[in-house]
Amino acid sequence: MSINLDYIVKARSQIMETAQHMLDGGISYIEGSRLICGLLEQARLERYDAPFVVFVAVDSETDHLSIGEVRDRWHPDATIKFP
């Protein structure tokens, strides 16, 4: 397997940007954790090393929750609205 350093650097940059958006309130921690988990392999980072294991735990414990575009497609009676 060849290593494309540009690809790895781009994935790591996306992880940093996602984490910053989470801190800024631009995306939820659940959505951000899912995005970060999806990038870990591309970034050649170990899922169970700190600090990434936290994102893996959030993703794992909330995988039954619908968020983002998927939630928008649910029937209005199937979602709980928070003030």
PDB file of N, CA and C in Angstrom:
ATOM      1  N   MET A   1       0.840  -1.164   0.000  1.00  0.00           N
ATOM      2  CA  MET A   1       0.000   0.000   0.000  1.00  0.00           C
ATOM      3  C   MET A   1       0.895   1.239   0.000  1.00  0.00           C
ATOM      4  N   SER A   2       0.632   2.150  -0.904  1.00  0.00           N
ATOM      5  CA  SER A   2       1.431   3.365  -0.954  1.00  0.00           C
ATOM      6  C   SER A   2       0.873   4.403   0.012  1.00  0.00           C
ATOM      7  N   ILE A   3       1.724   5.264   0.463  1.00  0.00           N
ATOM      8  CA  ILE A   3       1.334   6.310   1.398  1.00  0.00           C
ATOM      9  C   ILE A   3       1.320   7.636   0.648  1.00  0.00           C
ATOM     10  N   ASN A   4       0.174   8.276   0.643  1.00  0.00           N
ATOM     11  CA  ASN A   4       0.035   9.580   0.032  1.00  0.00           C
ATOM     12  C   ASN A   4      -0.005  10.615   1.158  1.00  0.00           C
ATOM     13  N   LEU A   5       1.117  11.277   1.387  1.00  0.00           N
ATOM     14  CA  LEU A   5       1.214  12.201   2.503  1.00  0.00           C
ATOM     15  C   LEU A   5       0.249  13.374   2.379  1.00  0.00           C
ATOM     16  N   ASP A   6      -0.015  13.835   1.173  1.00  0.00           N
ATOM     17  CA  ASP A   6      -0.970  14.926   0.997  1.00  0.00           C
ATOM     18  C   ASP A   6      -2.360  14.514   1.467  1.00  0.00           C
ATOM     19  N   TYR A   7      -2.735  13.282   1.182  1.00  0.00           N
ATOM     20  CA  TYR A   7      -4.027  12.742   1.578  1.00  0.00           C
ATOM     21  C   TYR A   7      -4.133  12.663   3.104  1.00  0.00           C
ATOM     22  N   ILE A   8      -3.063  12.222   3.745  1.00  0.00           N
ATOM     23  CA  ILE A   8      -3.025  12.112   5.203  1.00  0.00           C
ATOM     24  C   ILE A   8      -3.092  13.492   5.836  1.00  0.00           C
ATOM     25  N   VAL A   9      -2.322  14.433   5.313  1.00  0.00           N
ATOM     26  CA  VAL A   9      -2.315  15.799   5.851  1.00  0.00           C
ATOM     27  C   VAL A   9      -3.688  16.443   5.697  1.00  0.00           C
ATOM     28  N   LYS A  10      -4.341  16.217   4.570  1.00  0.00           N
ATOM     29  CA  LYS A  10      -5.672  16.779   4.342  1.00  0.00           C
ATOM     30  C   LYS A  10      -6.672  16.209   5.343  1.00  0.00           C
ATOM     31  N   ALA A  11      -6.644  14.914   5.584  1.00  0.00           N
ATOM     32  CA  ALA A  11      -7.559  14.284   6.540  1.00  0.00           C
ATOM     33  C   ALA A  11      -7.309  14.814   7.946  1.00  0.00           C
ATOM     34  N   ARG A  12      -6.055  14.978   8.321  1.00  0.00           N
ATOM     35  CA  ARG A  12      -5.735  15.513   9.649  1.00  0.00           C
ATOM     36  C   ARG A  12      -6.183  16.964   9.777  1.00  0.00           C
ATOM     37  N   SER A  13      -6.049  17.716   8.712  1.00  0.00           N
ATOM     38  CA  SER A  13      -6.522  19.099   8.708  1.00  0.00           C
ATOM     39  C   SER A  13      -8.042  19.148   8.876  1.00  0.00           C
ATOM     40  N   GLN A  14      -8.743  18.235   8.222  1.00  0.00           N
ATOM     41  CA  GLN A  14     -10.200  18.171   8.352  1.00  0.00           C
ATOM     42  C   GLN A  14     -10.602  17.800   9.778  1.00  0.00           C
ATOM     43  N   ILE A  15      -9.841  16.953  10.431  1.00  0.00           N
ATOM     44  CA  ILE A  15     -10.106  16.605  11.825  1.00  0.00           C
ATOM     45  C   ILE A  15      -9.963  17.842  12.700  1.00  0.00           C
ATOM     46  N   MET A  16      -8.904  18.601  12.497  1.00  0.00           N
ATOM     47  CA  MET A  16      -8.695  19.821  13.289  1.00  0.00           C
ATOM     48  C   MET A  16      -9.801  20.835  13.054  1.00  0.00           C
ATOM     49  N   GLU A  17     -10.191  21.014  11.800  1.00  0.00           N
ATOM     50  CA  GLU A  17     -11.260  21.962  11.471  1.00  0.00           C
ATOM     51  C   GLU A  17     -12.583  21.527  12.104  1.00  0.00           C
ATOM     52  N   THR A  18     -12.862  20.246  12.068  1.00  0.00           N
ATOM     53  CA  THR A  18     -14.094  19.725  12.661  1.00  0.00           C
ATOM     54  C   THR A  18     -14.096  19.954  14.167  1.00  0.00           C
ATOM     55  N   ALA A  19     -12.983  19.677  14.818  1.00  0.00           N
ATOM     56  CA  ALA A  19     -12.885  19.903  16.263  1.00  0.00           C
ATOM     57  C   ALA A  19     -13.082  21.383  16.589  1.00  0.00           C
ATOM     58  N   GLN A  20     -12.523  22.260  15.778  1.00  0.00           N
ATOM     59  CA  GLN A  20     -12.690  23.697  16.009  1.00  0.00           C
ATOM     60  C   GLN A  20     -14.147  24.114  15.828  1.00  0.00           C
ATOM     61  N   HIS A  21     -14.826  23.563  14.820  1.00  0.00           N
ATOM     62  CA  HIS A  21     -16.253  23.856  14.611  1.00  0.00           C
ATOM     63  C   HIS A  21     -17.082  23.378  15.799  1.00  0.00           C
ATOM     64  N   MET A  22     -16.692  22.258  16.399  1.00  0.00           N
ATOM     65  CA  MET A  22     -17.385  21.765  17.583  1.00  0.00           C
ATOM     66  C   MET A  22     -17.214  22.754  18.725  1.00  0.00           C
ATOM     67  N   LEU A  23     -15.996  23.226  18.932  1.00  0.00           N
ATOM     68  CA  LEU A  23     -15.729  24.174  20.016  1.00  0.00           C
ATOM     69  C   LEU A  23     -16.419  25.517  19.786  1.00  0.00           C
ATOM     70  N   ASP A  24     -16.522  25.917  18.525  1.00  0.00           N
ATOM     71  CA  ASP A  24     -17.167  27.193  18.188  1.00  0.00           C
ATOM     72  C   ASP A  24     -18.684  27.108  18.211  1.00  0.00           C
ATOM     73  N   GLY A  25     -19.231  25.909  18.320  1.00  0.00           N
ATOM     74  CA  GLY A  25     -20.676  25.733  18.311  1.00  0.00           C
ATOM     75  C   GLY A  25     -21.259  25.609  16.914  1.00  0.00           C
ATOM     76  N   GLY A  26     -20.402  25.468  15.909  1.00  0.00           N
ATOM     77  CA  GLY A  26     -20.864  25.361  14.529  1.00  0.00           C
ATOM     78  C   GLY A  26     -21.526  24.035  14.216  1.00  0.00           C
ATOM     79  N   ILE A  27     -21.093  22.979  14.888  1.00  0.00           N
ATOM     80  CA  ILE A  27     -21.719  21.665  14.752  1.00  0.00           C
ATOM     81  C   ILE A  27     -21.785  21.026  16.133  1.00  0.00           C
ATOM     82  N   SER A  28     -22.676  20.059  16.273  1.00  0.00           N
ATOM     83  CA  SER A  28     -22.831  19.394  17.567  1.00  0.00           C
ATOM     84  C   SER A  28     -21.648  18.461  17.830  1.00  0.00           C
ATOM     85  N   TYR A  29     -21.483  18.108  19.086  1.00  0.00           N
ATOM     86  CA  TYR A  29     -20.414  17.183  19.444  1.00  0.00           C
ATOM     87  C   TYR A  29     -20.663  15.796  18.853  1.00  0.00           C
ATOM     88  N   ILE A  30     -21.918  15.413  18.746  1.00  0.00           N
ATOM     89  CA  ILE A  30     -22.232  14.106  18.158  1.00  0.00           C
ATOM     90  C   ILE A  30     -21.872  14.099  16.679  1.00  0.00           C
ATOM     91  N   GLU A  31     -22.323  15.118  15.958  1.00  0.00           N
ATOM     92  CA  GLU A  31     -22.020  15.181  14.525  1.00  0.00           C
ATOM     93  C   GLU A  31     -20.516  15.287  14.297  1.00  0.00           C
ATOM     94  N   GLY A  32     -19.850  16.112  15.091  1.00  0.00           N
ATOM     95  CA  GLY A  32     -18.405  16.257  14.957  1.00  0.00           C
ATOM     96  C   GLY A  32     -17.662  14.962  15.250  1.00  0.00           C
ATOM     97  N   SER A  33     -18.104  14.247  16.266  1.00  0.00           N
ATOM     98  CA  SER A  33     -17.465  12.974  16.602  1.00  0.00           C
ATOM     99  C   SER A  33     -17.611  11.979  15.464  1.00  0.00           C
ATOM    100  N   ARG A  34     -18.782  11.955  14.846  1.00  0.00           N
ATOM    101  CA  ARG A  34     -18.996  11.037  13.721  1.00  0.00           C
ATOM    102  C   ARG A  34     -18.101  11.400  12.537  1.00  0.00           C
ATOM    103  N   LEU A  35     -17.978  12.684  12.273  1.00  0.00           N
ATOM    104  CA  LEU A  35     -17.111  13.121  11.175  1.00  0.00           C
ATOM    105  C   LEU A  35     -15.654  12.762  11.456  1.00  0.00           C
ATOM    106  N   ILE A  36     -15.217  13.019  12.671  1.00  0.00           N
ATOM    107  CA  ILE A  36     -13.827  12.727  13.040  1.00  0.00           C
ATOM    108  C   ILE A  36     -13.550  11.227  12.953  1.00  0.00           C
ATOM    109  N   CYS A  37     -14.468  10.407  13.452  1.00  0.00           N
ATOM    110  CA  CYS A  37     -14.275   8.951  13.376  1.00  0.00           C
ATOM    111  C   CYS A  37     -14.160   8.482  11.933  1.00  0.00           C
ATOM    112  N   GLY A  38     -14.901   9.128  11.052  1.00  0.00           N
ATOM    113  CA  GLY A  38     -14.836   8.764   9.647  1.00  0.00           C
ATOM    114  C   GLY A  38     -13.531   9.145   8.980  1.00  0.00           C
ATOM    115  N   LEU A  39     -12.781  10.045   9.587  1.00  0.00           N
ATOM    116  CA  LEU A  39     -11.518  10.508   9.009  1.00  0.00           C
ATOM    117  C   LEU A  39     -10.276   9.848   9.613  1.00  0.00           C
ATOM    118  N   LEU A  40     -10.431   9.149  10.722  1.00  0.00           N
ATOM    119  CA  LEU A  40      -9.257   8.623  11.431  1.00  0.00           C
ATOM    120  C   LEU A  40      -8.427   7.656  10.604  1.00  0.00           C
ATOM    121  N   GLU A  41      -9.070   6.770   9.882  1.00  0.00           N
ATOM    122  CA  GLU A  41      -8.310   5.810   9.070  1.00  0.00           C
ATOM    123  C   GLU A  41      -7.544   6.524   7.966  1.00  0.00           C
ATOM    124  N   GLN A  42      -8.207   7.468   7.298  1.00  0.00           N
ATOM    125  CA  GLN A  42      -7.551   8.223   6.231  1.00  0.00           C
ATOM    126  C   GLN A  42      -6.361   9.014   6.771  1.00  0.00           C
ATOM    127  N   ALA A  43      -6.498   9.504   8.006  1.00  0.00           N
ATOM    128  CA  ALA A  43      -5.441  10.304   8.623  1.00  0.00           C
ATOM    129  C   ALA A  43      -4.348   9.432   9.239  1.00  0.00           C
ATOM    130  N   ARG A  44      -4.524   8.115   9.139  1.00  0.00           N
ATOM    131  CA  ARG A  44      -3.559   7.158   9.711  1.00  0.00           C
ATOM    132  C   ARG A  44      -3.367   7.393  11.209  1.00  0.00           C
ATOM    133  N   LEU A  45      -4.500   7.570  11.911  1.00  0.00           N
ATOM    134  CA  LEU A  45      -4.486   7.757  13.356  1.00  0.00           C
ATOM    135  C   LEU A  45      -5.213   6.590  14.004  1.00  0.00           C
ATOM    136  N   GLU A  46      -4.726   6.151  15.143  1.00  0.00           N
ATOM    137  CA  GLU A  46      -5.300   5.011  15.848  1.00  0.00           C
ATOM    138  C   GLU A  46      -6.552   5.437  16.606  1.00  0.00           C
ATOM    139  N   ARG A  47      -7.655   4.743  16.353  1.00  0.00           N
ATOM    140  CA  ARG A  47      -8.951   5.086  16.947  1.00  0.00           C
ATOM    141  C   ARG A  47      -8.935   5.024  18.469  1.00  0.00           C
ATOM    142  N   TYR A  48      -8.147   4.155  19.042  1.00  0.00           N
ATOM    143  CA  TYR A  48      -8.209   3.940  20.479  1.00  0.00           C
ATOM    144  C   TYR A  48      -7.087   4.640  21.253  1.00  0.00           C
ATOM    145  N   ASP A  49      -6.371   5.520  20.588  1.00  0.00           N
ATOM    146  CA  ASP A  49      -5.379   6.345  21.274  1.00  0.00           C
ATOM    147  C   ASP A  49      -6.035   7.648  21.708  1.00  0.00           C
ATOM    148  N   ALA A  50      -5.516   8.209  22.805  1.00  0.00           N
ATOM    149  CA  ALA A  50      -6.008   9.514  23.248  1.00  0.00           C
ATOM    150  C   ALA A  50      -5.589  10.556  22.225  1.00  0.00           C
ATOM    151  N   PRO A  51      -6.361  11.521  21.931  1.00  0.00           N
ATOM    152  CA  PRO A  51      -7.690  11.846  22.440  1.00  0.00           C
ATOM    153  C   PRO A  51      -8.815  11.261  21.594  1.00  0.00           C
ATOM    154  N   PHE A  52      -8.483  10.480  20.582  1.00  0.00           N
ATOM    155  CA  PHE A  52      -9.485  10.036  19.618  1.00  0.00           C
ATOM    156  C   PHE A  52     -10.465   9.034  20.185  1.00  0.00           C
ATOM    157  N   VAL A  53     -10.075   8.301  21.207  1.00  0.00           N
ATOM    158  CA  VAL A  53     -10.970   7.323  21.811  1.00  0.00           C
ATOM    159  C   VAL A  53     -12.233   7.995  22.350  1.00  0.00           C
ATOM    160  N   VAL A  54     -12.136   9.255  22.743  1.00  0.00           N
ATOM    161  CA  VAL A  54     -13.314   9.989  23.222  1.00  0.00           C
ATOM    162  C   VAL A  54     -14.330  10.149  22.100  1.00  0.00           C
ATOM    163  N   PHE A  55     -13.867  10.492  20.916  1.00  0.00           N
ATOM    164  CA  PHE A  55     -14.766  10.651  19.773  1.00  0.00           C
ATOM    165  C   PHE A  55     -15.379   9.305  19.375  1.00  0.00           C
ATOM    166  N   VAL A  56     -14.592   8.250  19.477  1.00  0.00           N
ATOM    167  CA  VAL A  56     -15.090   6.907  19.178  1.00  0.00           C
ATOM    168  C   VAL A  56     -16.183   6.534  20.181  1.00  0.00           C
ATOM    169  N   ALA A  57     -15.978   6.865  21.448  1.00  0.00           N
ATOM    170  CA  ALA A  57     -16.978   6.564  22.475  1.00  0.00           C
ATOM    171  C   ALA A  57     -18.269   7.337  22.232  1.00  0.00           C
ATOM    172  N   VAL A  58     -18.159   8.620  21.922  1.00  0.00           N
ATOM    173  CA  VAL A  58     -19.354   9.420  21.644  1.00  0.00           C
ATOM    174  C   VAL A  58     -20.095   8.851  20.446  1.00  0.00           C
ATOM    175  N   ASP A  59     -19.370   8.529  19.398  1.00  0.00           N
ATOM    176  CA  ASP A  59     -19.976   7.962  18.195  1.00  0.00           C
ATOM    177  C   ASP A  59     -20.671   6.636  18.512  1.00  0.00           C
ATOM    178  N   SER A  60     -20.007   5.791  19.259  1.00  0.00           N
ATOM    179  CA  SER A  60     -20.540   4.475  19.585  1.00  0.00           C
ATOM    180  C   SER A  60     -21.788   4.562  20.457  1.00  0.00           C
ATOM    181  N   GLU A  61     -21.759   5.444  21.441  1.00  0.00           N
ATOM    182  CA  GLU A  61     -22.876   5.539  22.384  1.00  0.00           C
ATOM    183  C   GLU A  61     -24.073   6.301  21.825  1.00  0.00           C
ATOM    184  N   THR A  62     -23.896   6.991  20.705  1.00  0.00           N
ATOM    185  CA  THR A  62     -24.990   7.794  20.151  1.00  0.00           C
ATOM    186  C   THR A  62     -25.367   7.356  18.733  1.00  0.00           C
ATOM    187  N   ASP A  63     -24.886   6.207  18.310  1.00  0.00           N
ATOM    188  CA  ASP A  63     -25.128   5.798  16.925  1.00  0.00           C
ATOM    189  C   ASP A  63     -26.601   5.543  16.625  1.00  0.00           C
ATOM    190  N   HIS A  64     -27.426   5.426  17.647  1.00  0.00           N
ATOM    191  CA  HIS A  64     -28.860   5.229  17.449  1.00  0.00           C
ATOM    192  C   HIS A  64     -29.613   6.551  17.259  1.00  0.00           C
ATOM    193  N   LEU A  65     -28.923   7.663  17.487  1.00  0.00           N
ATOM    194  CA  LEU A  65     -29.551   8.975  17.340  1.00  0.00           C
ATOM    195  C   LEU A  65     -29.417   9.482  15.912  1.00  0.00           C
ATOM    196  N   SER A  66     -30.477  10.050  15.430  1.00  0.00           N
ATOM    197  CA  SER A  66     -30.469  10.640  14.102  1.00  0.00           C
ATOM    198  C   SER A  66     -30.107  12.120  14.228  1.00  0.00           C
ATOM    199  N   ILE A  67     -29.171  12.579  13.386  1.00  0.00           N
ATOM    200  CA  ILE A  67     -28.765  13.983  13.421  1.00  0.00           C
ATOM    201  C   ILE A  67     -28.637  14.521  12.004  1.00  0.00           C
ATOM    202  N   GLY A  68     -28.548  15.828  11.906  1.00  0.00           N
ATOM    203  CA  GLY A  68     -28.276  16.470  10.626  1.00  0.00           C
ATOM    204  C   GLY A  68     -29.344  16.230   9.582  1.00  0.00           C
ATOM    205  N   GLU A  69     -28.912  15.993   8.354  1.00  0.00           N
ATOM    206  CA  GLU A  69     -29.821  15.830   7.222  1.00  0.00           C
ATOM    207  C   GLU A  69     -30.751  14.634   7.399  1.00  0.00           C
ATOM    208  N   VAL A  70     -30.259  13.573   8.015  1.00  0.00           N
ATOM    209  CA  VAL A  70     -31.099  12.390   8.216  1.00  0.00           C
ATOM    210  C   VAL A  70     -32.277  12.741   9.114  1.00  0.00           C
ATOM    211  N   ARG A  71     -32.018  13.454  10.180  1.00  0.00           N
ATOM    212  CA  ARG A  71     -33.090  13.854  11.110  1.00  0.00           C
ATOM    213  C   ARG A  71     -34.098  14.755  10.406  1.00  0.00           C
ATOM    214  N   ASP A  72     -33.635  15.612   9.521  1.00  0.00           N
ATOM    215  CA  ASP A  72     -34.529  16.511   8.794  1.00  0.00           C
ATOM    216  C   ASP A  72     -35.531  15.751   7.930  1.00  0.00           C
ATOM    217  N   ARG A  73     -35.207  14.526   7.564  1.00  0.00           N
ATOM    218  CA  ARG A  73     -36.088  13.722   6.706  1.00  0.00           C
ATOM    219  C   ARG A  73     -37.098  12.900   7.505  1.00  0.00           C
ATOM    220  N   TRP A  74     -36.951  12.885   8.811  1.00  0.00           N
ATOM    221  CA  TRP A  74     -37.895  12.160   9.651  1.00  0.00           C
ATOM    222  C   TRP A  74     -39.250  12.856   9.637  1.00  0.00           C
ATOM    223  N   HIS A  75     -40.273  12.105   9.933  1.00  0.00           N
ATOM    224  CA  HIS A  75     -41.616  12.670  10.089  1.00  0.00           C
ATOM    225  C   HIS A  75     -41.589  13.589  11.317  1.00  0.00           C
ATOM    226  N   PRO A  76     -42.228  14.746  11.243  1.00  0.00           N
ATOM    227  CA  PRO A  76     -42.200  15.691  12.374  1.00  0.00           C
ATOM    228  C   PRO A  76     -42.666  15.081  13.698  1.00  0.00           C
ATOM    229  N   ASP A  77     -43.601  14.144  13.666  1.00  0.00           N
ATOM    230  CA  ASP A  77     -44.089  13.524  14.906  1.00  0.00           C
ATOM    231  C   ASP A  77     -43.075  12.562  15.510  1.00  0.00           C
ATOM    232  N   ALA A  78     -42.072  12.173  14.744  1.00  0.00           N
ATOM    233  CA  ALA A  78     -41.090  11.199  15.217  1.00  0.00           C
ATOM    234  C   ALA A  78     -39.915  11.857  15.929  1.00  0.00           C
ATOM    235  N   THR A  79     -39.838  13.161  15.933  1.00  0.00           N
ATOM    236  CA  THR A  79     -38.724  13.855  16.578  1.00  0.00           C
ATOM    237  C   THR A  79     -39.215  14.643  17.783  1.00  0.00           C
ATOM    238  N   ILE A  80     -38.338  14.843  18.706  1.00  0.00           N
ATOM    239  CA  ILE A  80     -38.627  15.673  19.869  1.00  0.00           C
ATOM    240  C   ILE A  80     -37.954  17.007  19.646  1.00  0.00           C
ATOM    241  N   LYS A  81     -38.712  18.057  19.753  1.00  0.00           N
ATOM    242  CA  LYS A  81     -38.158  19.395  19.577  1.00  0.00           C
ATOM    243  C   LYS A  81     -37.710  19.945  20.924  1.00  0.00           C
ATOM    244  N   PHE A  82     -36.520  20.469  20.952  1.00  0.00           N
ATOM    245  CA  PHE A  82     -35.993  21.099  22.153  1.00  0.00           C
ATOM    246  C   PHE A  82     -36.056  22.603  21.970  1.00  0.00           C
ATOM    247  N   PRO A  83     -36.395  23.316  23.037  1.00  0.00           N
ATOM    248  CA  PRO A  83     -36.483  24.796  22.918  1.00  0.00           C
ATOM    249  C   PRO A  83     -35.155  25.433  22.617  1.00  0.00           C
TER     250      PRO A  83
END
